[in-house]
Amino acid sequence: MRGTFGNIATWEEAQGEIAQSIDYIARVAGVAPLFFAYPWGEPSEYLLRDYLPRRGPQLGLKAAVSSAPYASGFATPDSDRWLVPRLVCGNDWKSAEALEDLLAPLCR
């Protein structure tokens, strides 16, 4: 299924989607990305538990962010670096005021 990384289960698929993308971005932008965002926020167990912990640092990645429901909330020092939560407009807030309310505890 296209559009999700929730179904990537092999080294070859991960290399084709992630490593080749990093190489392309580095060639075009002149610098490789340090962070990876799962499309639609959906990691596969293989990416999360095997590929990125082993291959991510070799690719120059520091972390990956997800918006999967089980990764909701704010990032903390204890967050899994390959499943750092991110909050998404429309999902976690729907207006500027709602975003301000969501972030208010961090500004105190």
N, C-alpha and C. Protein backbone atom coordinates (compact mmCIF):
# COMPACT_ATOMS: atom_id res chain seq x y z
N MET A 1 0.85 -1.18 0.00
CA MET A 1 0.00 0.00 0.00
C MET A 1 0.89 1.24 0.00
N ARG A 2 0.66 2.13 -0.93
CA ARG A 2 1.46 3.35 -1.03
C ARG A 2 0.95 4.39 -0.05
N GLY A 3 1.85 5.27 0.37
CA GLY A 3 1.46 6.37 1.22
C GLY A 3 1.63 6.12 2.71
N THR A 4 2.00 4.92 3.06
CA THR A 4 2.24 4.60 4.47
C THR A 4 3.54 3.84 4.59
N PHE A 5 4.20 4.01 5.70
CA PHE A 5 5.39 3.20 5.98
C PHE A 5 5.04 2.10 6.97
N GLY A 6 3.76 1.99 7.33
CA GLY A 6 3.32 0.98 8.27
C GLY A 6 3.45 -0.44 7.75
N ASN A 7 3.69 -0.59 6.45
CA ASN A 7 3.79 -1.93 5.88
C ASN A 7 5.21 -2.30 5.45
N ILE A 8 6.20 -1.48 5.72
CA ILE A 8 7.58 -1.81 5.33
C ILE A 8 8.10 -2.87 6.28
N ALA A 9 8.52 -3.99 5.70
CA ALA A 9 8.91 -5.14 6.53
C ALA A 9 10.26 -5.74 6.17
N THR A 10 10.96 -5.18 5.17
CA THR A 10 12.24 -5.76 4.77
C THR A 10 13.30 -4.68 4.62
N TRP A 11 14.55 -5.13 4.68
CA TRP A 11 15.70 -4.27 4.49
C TRP A 11 15.62 -3.57 3.13
N GLU A 12 15.28 -4.33 2.11
CA GLU A 12 15.23 -3.79 0.75
C GLU A 12 14.18 -2.68 0.64
N GLU A 13 13.01 -2.89 1.22
CA GLU A 13 11.97 -1.85 1.19
C GLU A 13 12.42 -0.60 1.93
N ALA A 14 13.01 -0.80 3.10
CA ALA A 14 13.47 0.34 3.91
C ALA A 14 14.58 1.10 3.19
N GLN A 15 15.53 0.38 2.62
CA GLN A 15 16.61 1.03 1.87
C GLN A 15 16.04 1.83 0.71
N GLY A 16 15.09 1.24 -0.01
CA GLY A 16 14.50 1.90 -1.16
C GLY A 16 13.73 3.16 -0.79
N GLU A 17 13.09 3.15 0.34
CA GLU A 17 12.28 4.30 0.75
C GLU A 17 13.09 5.33 1.54
N ILE A 18 13.90 4.89 2.47
CA ILE A 18 14.58 5.82 3.38
C ILE A 18 15.98 6.18 2.91
N ALA A 19 16.84 5.19 2.73
CA ALA A 19 18.23 5.48 2.36
C ALA A 19 18.31 6.20 1.02
N GLN A 20 17.54 5.75 0.04
CA GLN A 20 17.58 6.42 -1.27
C GLN A 20 17.03 7.84 -1.18
N SER A 21 16.03 8.05 -0.34
CA SER A 21 15.48 9.41 -0.16
C SER A 21 16.51 10.33 0.48
N ILE A 22 17.21 9.82 1.48
CA ILE A 22 18.25 10.62 2.14
C ILE A 22 19.35 10.98 1.14
N ASP A 23 19.77 10.03 0.33
CA ASP A 23 20.77 10.30 -0.70
C ASP A 23 20.29 11.37 -1.67
N TYR A 24 19.03 11.26 -2.10
CA TYR A 24 18.47 12.22 -3.04
C TYR A 24 18.42 13.62 -2.42
N ILE A 25 17.92 13.73 -1.21
CA ILE A 25 17.84 15.03 -0.53
C ILE A 25 19.23 15.64 -0.38
N ALA A 26 20.20 14.82 -0.02
CA ALA A 26 21.57 15.32 0.14
C ALA A 26 22.12 15.85 -1.18
N ARG A 27 21.84 15.15 -2.28
CA ARG A 27 22.32 15.61 -3.59
C ARG A 27 21.65 16.92 -3.99
N VAL A 28 20.34 17.00 -3.82
CA VAL A 28 19.59 18.17 -4.27
C VAL A 28 19.78 19.37 -3.34
N ALA A 29 19.71 19.13 -2.03
CA ALA A 29 19.76 20.23 -1.06
C ALA A 29 21.19 20.56 -0.63
N GLY A 30 22.11 19.64 -0.86
CA GLY A 30 23.48 19.86 -0.45
C GLY A 30 23.75 19.47 0.99
N VAL A 31 22.74 18.99 1.67
CA VAL A 31 22.89 18.54 3.06
C VAL A 31 21.88 17.42 3.32
N ALA A 32 22.31 16.42 4.04
CA ALA A 32 21.42 15.30 4.36
C ALA A 32 20.54 15.64 5.56
N PRO A 33 19.32 15.13 5.58
CA PRO A 33 18.45 15.39 6.72
C PRO A 33 18.95 14.67 7.97
N LEU A 34 18.69 15.28 9.12
CA LEU A 34 19.05 14.68 10.41
C LEU A 34 17.88 13.95 11.04
N PHE A 35 16.68 14.28 10.58
CA PHE A 35 15.47 13.70 11.16
C PHE A 35 14.59 13.11 10.08
N PHE A 36 13.83 12.11 10.45
CA PHE A 36 12.93 11.43 9.53
C PHE A 36 11.52 11.51 10.10
N ALA A 37 10.56 11.82 9.27
CA ALA A 37 9.15 11.82 9.68
C ALA A 37 8.43 10.72 8.91
N TYR A 38 7.83 9.79 9.65
CA TYR A 38 7.07 8.72 8.99
C TYR A 38 5.90 9.33 8.23
N PRO A 39 5.75 8.99 6.95
CA PRO A 39 4.59 9.48 6.22
C PRO A 39 3.30 9.06 6.93
N TRP A 40 2.42 10.00 7.08
CA TRP A 40 1.16 9.81 7.81
C TRP A 40 1.41 9.41 9.26
N GLY A 41 2.64 9.54 9.73
CA GLY A 41 2.96 9.26 11.13
C GLY A 41 3.00 7.80 11.49
N GLU A 42 2.99 6.92 10.51
CA GLU A 42 2.85 5.48 10.75
C GLU A 42 4.14 4.70 10.51
N PRO A 43 4.82 4.28 11.58
CA PRO A 43 5.99 3.42 11.39
C PRO A 43 5.57 1.95 11.37
N SER A 44 6.35 1.14 10.72
CA SER A 44 6.15 -0.30 10.86
C SER A 44 6.99 -0.77 12.04
N GLU A 45 6.65 -1.90 12.58
CA GLU A 45 7.45 -2.46 13.68
C GLU A 45 8.87 -2.73 13.22
N TYR A 46 9.03 -3.15 11.97
CA TYR A 46 10.36 -3.42 11.44
C TYR A 46 11.22 -2.14 11.42
N LEU A 47 10.65 -1.05 10.93
CA LEU A 47 11.40 0.21 10.91
C LEU A 47 11.73 0.67 12.33
N LEU A 48 10.76 0.59 13.19
CA LEU A 48 10.88 1.09 14.55
C LEU A 48 11.84 0.28 15.40
N ARG A 49 11.80 -1.02 15.29
CA ARG A 49 12.57 -1.90 16.19
C ARG A 49 13.85 -2.47 15.59
N ASP A 50 13.96 -2.44 14.26
CA ASP A 50 15.12 -3.09 13.63
C ASP A 50 15.90 -2.12 12.72
N TYR A 51 15.27 -1.69 11.63
CA TYR A 51 16.00 -0.93 10.62
C TYR A 51 16.58 0.38 11.16
N LEU A 52 15.74 1.24 11.72
CA LEU A 52 16.25 2.55 12.15
C LEU A 52 17.23 2.46 13.32
N PRO A 53 17.01 1.62 14.33
CA PRO A 53 18.04 1.53 15.37
C PRO A 53 19.40 1.07 14.83
N ARG A 54 19.38 0.19 13.82
CA ARG A 54 20.65 -0.30 13.27
C ARG A 54 21.20 0.61 12.19
N ARG A 55 20.35 1.08 11.29
CA ARG A 55 20.80 1.78 10.10
C ARG A 55 20.69 3.30 10.21
N GLY A 56 19.75 3.79 11.03
CA GLY A 56 19.54 5.23 11.14
C GLY A 56 20.80 6.03 11.41
N PRO A 57 21.58 5.68 12.45
CA PRO A 57 22.80 6.45 12.71
C PRO A 57 23.80 6.39 11.55
N GLN A 58 23.89 5.27 10.86
CA GLN A 58 24.78 5.17 9.70
C GLN A 58 24.33 6.11 8.58
N LEU A 59 23.02 6.36 8.50
CA LEU A 59 22.47 7.26 7.50
C LEU A 59 22.56 8.72 7.93
N GLY A 60 23.03 8.96 9.15
CA GLY A 60 23.14 10.31 9.66
C GLY A 60 21.90 10.80 10.39
N LEU A 61 20.94 9.91 10.60
CA LEU A 61 19.71 10.30 11.27
C LEU A 61 19.89 10.35 12.78
N LYS A 62 19.31 11.36 13.38
CA LYS A 62 19.33 11.51 14.84
C LYS A 62 18.08 10.92 15.47
N ALA A 63 16.93 11.02 14.76
CA ALA A 63 15.66 10.56 15.32
C ALA A 63 14.61 10.50 14.21
N ALA A 64 13.47 9.90 14.56
CA ALA A 64 12.31 9.86 13.66
C ALA A 64 11.08 10.27 14.46
N VAL A 65 10.19 11.01 13.79
CA VAL A 65 8.99 11.47 14.47
C VAL A 65 7.75 10.79 13.89
N SER A 66 6.77 10.60 14.78
CA SER A 66 5.55 9.89 14.42
C SER A 66 4.36 10.62 14.99
N SER A 67 3.23 10.47 14.35
CA SER A 67 1.98 10.99 14.90
C SER A 67 0.99 9.86 15.15
N ALA A 68 1.50 8.64 15.21
CA ALA A 68 0.65 7.49 15.50
C ALA A 68 -0.01 7.68 16.87
N PRO A 69 -1.24 7.21 17.03
CA PRO A 69 -1.95 7.44 18.29
C PRO A 69 -1.19 7.00 19.54
N TYR A 70 -0.44 5.93 19.46
CA TYR A 70 0.29 5.46 20.64
C TYR A 70 1.53 6.31 20.93
N ALA A 71 1.82 7.26 20.07
CA ALA A 71 2.98 8.13 20.29
C ALA A 71 2.56 9.55 20.64
N SER A 72 1.31 9.73 21.06
CA SER A 72 0.83 11.09 21.32
C SER A 72 1.44 11.67 22.58
N GLY A 73 1.38 12.97 22.66
CA GLY A 73 1.93 13.67 23.81
C GLY A 73 3.20 14.40 23.41
N PHE A 74 3.84 15.02 24.38
CA PHE A 74 5.07 15.76 24.13
C PHE A 74 6.29 14.85 24.22
N ALA A 75 7.31 15.19 23.47
CA ALA A 75 8.58 14.46 23.55
C ALA A 75 9.23 14.75 24.90
N THR A 76 9.86 13.75 25.45
CA THR A 76 10.59 13.89 26.71
C THR A 76 11.97 13.27 26.52
N PRO A 77 12.87 13.48 27.46
CA PRO A 77 14.19 12.83 27.34
C PRO A 77 14.09 11.30 27.29
N ASP A 78 12.98 10.75 27.75
CA ASP A 78 12.80 9.30 27.74
C ASP A 78 12.11 8.78 26.48
N SER A 79 11.73 9.67 25.58
CA SER A 79 11.07 9.24 24.35
C SER A 79 12.00 8.36 23.53
N ASP A 80 11.43 7.36 22.89
CA ASP A 80 12.17 6.51 21.96
C ASP A 80 12.61 7.40 20.80
N ARG A 81 13.89 7.46 20.50
CA ARG A 81 14.38 8.38 19.46
C ARG A 81 13.87 8.03 18.08
N TRP A 82 13.36 6.82 17.89
CA TRP A 82 12.82 6.41 16.60
C TRP A 82 11.29 6.49 16.60
N LEU A 83 10.72 7.02 17.67
CA LEU A 83 9.27 7.20 17.76
C LEU A 83 8.96 8.46 18.58
N VAL A 84 9.60 9.55 18.21
CA VAL A 84 9.38 10.82 18.91
C VAL A 84 7.99 11.33 18.53
N PRO A 85 7.17 11.65 19.52
CA PRO A 85 5.83 12.11 19.18
C PRO A 85 5.83 13.51 18.58
N ARG A 86 4.93 13.73 17.66
CA ARG A 86 4.70 15.07 17.12
C ARG A 86 3.20 15.30 17.14
N LEU A 87 2.81 16.52 17.39
CA LEU A 87 1.41 16.88 17.41
C LEU A 87 1.04 17.45 16.04
N VAL A 88 -0.16 17.14 15.58
CA VAL A 88 -0.56 17.45 14.22
C VAL A 88 -1.82 18.31 14.20
N CYS A 89 -1.78 19.37 13.41
CA CYS A 89 -2.95 20.23 13.23
C CYS A 89 -4.10 19.41 12.64
N GLY A 90 -5.27 19.60 13.20
CA GLY A 90 -6.44 18.86 12.74
C GLY A 90 -6.67 17.60 13.55
N ASN A 91 -5.60 17.06 14.07
CA ASN A 91 -5.66 15.87 14.91
C ASN A 91 -5.59 16.26 16.38
N ASP A 92 -4.60 17.06 16.73
CA ASP A 92 -4.35 17.41 18.11
C ASP A 92 -4.85 18.82 18.45
N TRP A 93 -5.02 19.67 17.47
CA TRP A 93 -5.62 20.99 17.65
C TRP A 93 -6.25 21.41 16.34
N LYS A 94 -7.26 22.27 16.44
CA LYS A 94 -7.99 22.68 15.24
C LYS A 94 -8.07 24.19 15.07
N SER A 95 -7.48 24.94 15.99
CA SER A 95 -7.50 26.40 15.89
C SER A 95 -6.26 26.95 16.58
N ALA A 96 -5.97 28.21 16.31
CA ALA A 96 -4.82 28.86 16.96
C ALA A 96 -5.00 28.86 18.47
N GLU A 97 -6.22 29.08 18.92
CA GLU A 97 -6.48 29.09 20.36
C GLU A 97 -6.26 27.71 20.98
N ALA A 98 -6.69 26.69 20.28
CA ALA A 98 -6.49 25.33 20.79
C ALA A 98 -5.00 24.98 20.85
N LEU A 99 -4.22 25.45 19.87
CA LEU A 99 -2.78 25.22 19.91
C LEU A 99 -2.15 25.96 21.09
N GLU A 100 -2.58 27.20 21.30
CA GLU A 100 -2.06 27.96 22.45
C GLU A 100 -2.38 27.25 23.76
N ASP A 101 -3.59 26.72 23.89
CA ASP A 101 -3.98 25.98 25.09
C ASP A 101 -3.12 24.72 25.25
N LEU A 102 -2.86 24.06 24.15
CA LEU A 102 -2.06 22.84 24.20
C LEU A 102 -0.64 23.12 24.65
N LEU A 103 -0.08 24.25 24.19
CA LEU A 103 1.31 24.59 24.50
C LEU A 103 1.47 25.36 25.80
N ALA A 104 0.39 25.85 26.34
CA ALA A 104 0.46 26.70 27.55
C ALA A 104 1.25 26.06 28.69
N PRO A 105 1.07 24.78 29.00
CA PRO A 105 1.85 24.20 30.10
C PRO A 105 3.36 24.27 29.90
N LEU A 106 3.81 24.33 28.67
CA LEU A 106 5.24 24.40 28.38
C LEU A 106 5.80 25.81 28.57
N CYS A 107 4.92 26.78 28.59
CA CYS A 107 5.34 28.19 28.66
C CYS A 107 5.31 28.74 30.08
N ARG A 108 4.98 27.93 31.03
CA ARG A 108 4.90 28.42 32.41
C ARG A 108 6.23 28.34 33.10
